[in-house]
Amino acid sequence: MAAVATLIVDGANVVGSRPDGWWRDRAGAAARLHARLRAADLGYAEVVLVLEGKARAGVPAGSDERVHTVHAPADGDATIADLARRAIAEDRRVVVVTADRALAATVQDAGAEVVGPGWLLGQVT
């Protein structure tokens, strides 16, 4: 088993998993998810939040004390897959949070584990 565990969060997929009005304020929804990730003790050495589109305005790219935020230049799925592949190549255990079937298949083929948004929301609520 890899020594370092990395959790990669598909921000759009997690935010979009609950119909709480997120579509009216994508940046605010991203900021709320980021705050919940920062407050939670998830047990991972690294937590990476990937944001795309208008959600990027809610959280600056970069690292704070608990979460590394990545702004996808276009497609969040491609960025997540790339991050997962790179972390696996560095012998990290990678868990990706998404309900997107195509993305899940891609990262599983690369060697990552996948959990759904419900699991994460249960951890940070």
C-alpha atoms as a PDB file:
ATOM      1  CA  MET A   1       0.000   0.000   0.000  1.00  0.00           C
ATOM      2  CA  ALA A   2       1.189   3.479  -0.792  1.00  0.00           C
ATOM      3  CA  ALA A   3       2.535   5.565   2.059  1.00  0.00           C
ATOM      4  CA  VAL A   4       0.703   8.833   1.390  1.00  0.00           C
ATOM      5  CA  ALA A   5      -3.047   9.052   0.909  1.00  0.00           C
ATOM      6  CA  THR A   6      -4.481  11.718  -1.368  1.00  0.00           C
ATOM      7  CA  LEU A   7      -8.168  12.610  -1.585  1.00  0.00           C
ATOM      8  CA  ILE A   8      -9.159  14.356  -4.827  1.00  0.00           C
ATOM      9  CA  VAL A   9     -12.572  16.028  -4.759  1.00  0.00           C
ATOM     10  CA  ASP A  10     -14.590  16.664  -7.917  1.00  0.00           C
ATOM     11  CA  GLY A  11     -15.989  19.958  -6.664  1.00  0.00           C
ATOM     12  CA  ALA A  12     -18.651  20.352  -9.348  1.00  0.00           C
ATOM     13  CA  ASN A  13     -19.907  16.824  -8.844  1.00  0.00           C
ATOM     14  CA  VAL A  14     -20.044  17.063  -5.052  1.00  0.00           C
ATOM     15  CA  VAL A  15     -21.739  20.476  -5.048  1.00  0.00           C
ATOM     16  CA  GLY A  16     -24.178  19.330  -7.733  1.00  0.00           C
ATOM     17  CA  SER A  17     -25.166  16.203  -5.823  1.00  0.00           C
ATOM     18  CA  ARG A  18     -27.642  18.071  -3.602  1.00  0.00           C
ATOM     19  CA  PRO A  19     -30.353  20.380  -4.946  1.00  0.00           C
ATOM     20  CA  ASP A  20     -29.736  23.228  -2.485  1.00  0.00           C
ATOM     21  CA  GLY A  21     -29.717  26.117  -4.966  1.00  0.00           C
ATOM     22  CA  TRP A  22     -25.997  25.831  -5.793  1.00  0.00           C
ATOM     23  CA  TRP A  23     -26.717  26.749  -9.435  1.00  0.00           C
ATOM     24  CA  ARG A  24     -27.647  30.305  -8.399  1.00  0.00           C
ATOM     25  CA  ASP A  25     -24.247  30.882  -6.786  1.00  0.00           C
ATOM     26  CA  ARG A  26     -21.615  28.437  -7.996  1.00  0.00           C
ATOM     27  CA  ALA A  27     -18.761  30.419  -6.449  1.00  0.00           C
ATOM     28  CA  GLY A  28     -20.515  30.544  -3.077  1.00  0.00           C
ATOM     29  CA  ALA A  29     -21.247  26.819  -3.211  1.00  0.00           C
ATOM     30  CA  ALA A  30     -17.560  26.124  -3.928  1.00  0.00           C
ATOM     31  CA  ALA A  31     -16.514  28.351  -1.021  1.00  0.00           C
ATOM     32  CA  ARG A  32     -18.895  26.524   1.334  1.00  0.00           C
ATOM     33  CA  LEU A  33     -17.545  23.123   0.254  1.00  0.00           C
ATOM     34  CA  HIS A  34     -13.980  24.370   0.698  1.00  0.00           C
ATOM     35  CA  ALA A  35     -14.775  25.616   4.207  1.00  0.00           C
ATOM     36  CA  ARG A  36     -16.303  22.253   5.115  1.00  0.00           C
ATOM     37  CA  LEU A  37     -13.251  20.403   3.790  1.00  0.00           C
ATOM     38  CA  ARG A  38     -10.940  22.670   5.793  1.00  0.00           C
ATOM     39  CA  ALA A  39     -12.906  22.056   8.992  1.00  0.00           C
ATOM     40  CA  ALA A  40     -13.076  18.271   8.621  1.00  0.00           C
ATOM     41  CA  ASP A  41     -10.499  15.740   9.755  1.00  0.00           C
ATOM     42  CA  LEU A  42     -10.721  13.364   6.819  1.00  0.00           C
ATOM     43  CA  GLY A  43      -7.599  11.359   7.625  1.00  0.00           C
ATOM     44  CA  TYR A  44      -5.805  12.078   4.338  1.00  0.00           C
ATOM     45  CA  ALA A  45      -2.324  13.526   4.074  1.00  0.00           C
ATOM     46  CA  GLU A  46      -3.463  15.633   1.142  1.00  0.00           C
ATOM     47  CA  VAL A  47      -6.930  16.907   0.169  1.00  0.00           C
ATOM     48  CA  VAL A  48      -7.243  18.376  -3.325  1.00  0.00           C
ATOM     49  CA  LEU A  49     -10.370  20.285  -4.377  1.00  0.00           C
ATOM     50  CA  VAL A  50     -10.763  20.671  -8.144  1.00  0.00           C
ATOM     51  CA  LEU A  51     -12.967  23.536  -9.305  1.00  0.00           C
ATOM     52  CA  GLU A  52     -14.085  24.459 -12.806  1.00  0.00           C
ATOM     53  CA  GLY A  53     -16.067  27.206 -14.490  1.00  0.00           C
ATOM     54  CA  LYS A  54     -17.745  29.868 -12.343  1.00  0.00           C
ATOM     55  CA  ALA A  55     -16.986  27.901  -9.156  1.00  0.00           C
ATOM     56  CA  ARG A  56     -13.322  28.933  -9.490  1.00  0.00           C
ATOM     57  CA  ALA A  57     -14.261  32.441  -8.354  1.00  0.00           C
ATOM     58  CA  GLY A  58     -15.252  31.086  -4.929  1.00  0.00           C
ATOM     59  CA  VAL A  59     -11.836  29.845  -3.802  1.00  0.00           C
ATOM     60  CA  PRO A  60      -8.386  30.984  -4.909  1.00  0.00           C
ATOM     61  CA  ALA A  61      -6.100  28.361  -6.419  1.00  0.00           C
ATOM     62  CA  GLY A  62      -3.330  27.189  -4.122  1.00  0.00           C
ATOM     63  CA  SER A  63      -2.858  25.635  -0.737  1.00  0.00           C
ATOM     64  CA  ASP A  64      -3.938  26.594   2.711  1.00  0.00           C
ATOM     65  CA  GLU A  65      -3.273  24.610   5.863  1.00  0.00           C
ATOM     66  CA  ARG A  66      -5.634  21.733   4.964  1.00  0.00           C
ATOM     67  CA  VAL A  67      -6.787  21.867   1.339  1.00  0.00           C
ATOM     68  CA  HIS A  68      -5.021  22.357  -1.990  1.00  0.00           C
ATOM     69  CA  THR A  69      -7.379  23.985  -4.507  1.00  0.00           C
ATOM     70  CA  VAL A  70      -6.805  23.459  -8.221  1.00  0.00           C
ATOM     71  CA  HIS A  71      -8.574  25.515 -10.886  1.00  0.00           C
ATOM     72  CA  ALA A  72      -9.229  23.324 -13.912  1.00  0.00           C
ATOM     73  CA  PRO A  73      -8.454  25.307 -17.062  1.00  0.00           C
ATOM     74  CA  ALA A  74     -11.459  23.787 -18.818  1.00  0.00           C
ATOM     75  CA  ASP A  75     -12.731  20.288 -18.123  1.00  0.00           C
ATOM     76  CA  GLY A  76     -12.529  19.342 -14.456  1.00  0.00           C
ATOM     77  CA  ASP A  77     -12.581  15.628 -15.283  1.00  0.00           C
ATOM     78  CA  ALA A  78      -9.382  15.829 -17.337  1.00  0.00           C
ATOM     79  CA  THR A  79      -7.660  17.730 -14.538  1.00  0.00           C
ATOM     80  CA  ILE A  80      -8.803  15.205 -11.925  1.00  0.00           C
ATOM     81  CA  ALA A  81      -7.633  12.269 -14.042  1.00  0.00           C
ATOM     82  CA  ASP A  82      -4.244  13.925 -14.556  1.00  0.00           C
ATOM     83  CA  LEU A  83      -3.839  14.677 -10.844  1.00  0.00           C
ATOM     84  CA  ALA A  84      -4.780  11.103  -9.951  1.00  0.00           C
ATOM     85  CA  ARG A  85      -2.311   9.615 -12.446  1.00  0.00           C
ATOM     86  CA  ARG A  86       0.511  11.835 -11.193  1.00  0.00           C
ATOM     87  CA  ALA A  87      -0.167  10.998  -7.530  1.00  0.00           C
ATOM     88  CA  ILE A  88      -0.312   7.269  -8.304  1.00  0.00           C
ATOM     89  CA  ALA A  89       2.995   7.550 -10.189  1.00  0.00           C
ATOM     90  CA  GLU A  90       4.434   9.027  -6.968  1.00  0.00           C
ATOM     91  CA  ASP A  91       3.272   5.875  -5.124  1.00  0.00           C
ATOM     92  CA  ARG A  92       0.394   7.611  -3.387  1.00  0.00           C
ATOM     93  CA  ARG A  93      -2.877   5.937  -2.498  1.00  0.00           C
ATOM     94  CA  VAL A  94      -5.496   8.005  -4.315  1.00  0.00           C
ATOM     95  CA  VAL A  95      -9.207   8.267  -3.587  1.00  0.00           C
ATOM     96  CA  VAL A  96     -11.363  10.338  -5.945  1.00  0.00           C
ATOM     97  CA  VAL A  97     -14.744  11.686  -4.846  1.00  0.00           C
ATOM     98  CA  THR A  98     -17.139  11.700  -7.791  1.00  0.00           C
ATOM     99  CA  ALA A  99     -20.365  10.169  -9.072  1.00  0.00           C
ATOM    100  CA  ASP A 100     -19.344  10.689 -12.698  1.00  0.00           C
ATOM    101  CA  ARG A 101     -19.175   7.169 -14.153  1.00  0.00           C
ATOM    102  CA  ALA A 102     -16.769   7.970 -16.967  1.00  0.00           C
ATOM    103  CA  LEU A 103     -14.370   9.776 -14.632  1.00  0.00           C
ATOM    104  CA  ALA A 104     -14.661   6.970 -12.076  1.00  0.00           C
ATOM    105  CA  ALA A 105     -13.744   4.385 -14.714  1.00  0.00           C
ATOM    106  CA  THR A 106     -10.791   6.462 -15.899  1.00  0.00           C
ATOM    107  CA  VAL A 107      -9.263   6.950 -12.460  1.00  0.00           C
ATOM    108  CA  GLN A 108      -9.972   3.358 -11.403  1.00  0.00           C
ATOM    109  CA  ASP A 109      -8.137   2.151 -14.518  1.00  0.00           C
ATOM    110  CA  ALA A 110      -5.195   4.283 -13.366  1.00  0.00           C
ATOM    111  CA  GLY A 111      -5.273   2.651  -9.915  1.00  0.00           C
ATOM    112  CA  ALA A 112      -7.357   5.061  -7.821  1.00  0.00           C
ATOM    113  CA  GLU A 113     -10.261   4.223  -5.580  1.00  0.00           C
ATOM    114  CA  VAL A 114     -13.587   6.039  -5.994  1.00  0.00           C
ATOM    115  CA  VAL A 115     -16.183   7.104  -3.439  1.00  0.00           C
ATOM    116  CA  GLY A 116     -19.377   9.017  -4.042  1.00  0.00           C
ATOM    117  CA  PRO A 117     -20.301  12.535  -2.988  1.00  0.00           C
ATOM    118  CA  GLY A 118     -22.643  11.163  -0.324  1.00  0.00           C
ATOM    119  CA  TRP A 119     -19.686   9.612   1.494  1.00  0.00           C
ATOM    120  CA  LEU A 120     -17.792  12.898   1.543  1.00  0.00           C
ATOM    121  CA  LEU A 121     -20.803  14.987   2.554  1.00  0.00           C
ATOM    122  CA  GLY A 122     -21.393  12.583   5.410  1.00  0.00           C
ATOM    123  CA  GLN A 123     -17.826  13.215   6.583  1.00  0.00           C
ATOM    124  CA  VAL A 124     -17.938  16.997   6.406  1.00  0.00           C
ATOM    125  CA  THR A 125     -21.463  17.696   7.644  1.00  0.00           C
END
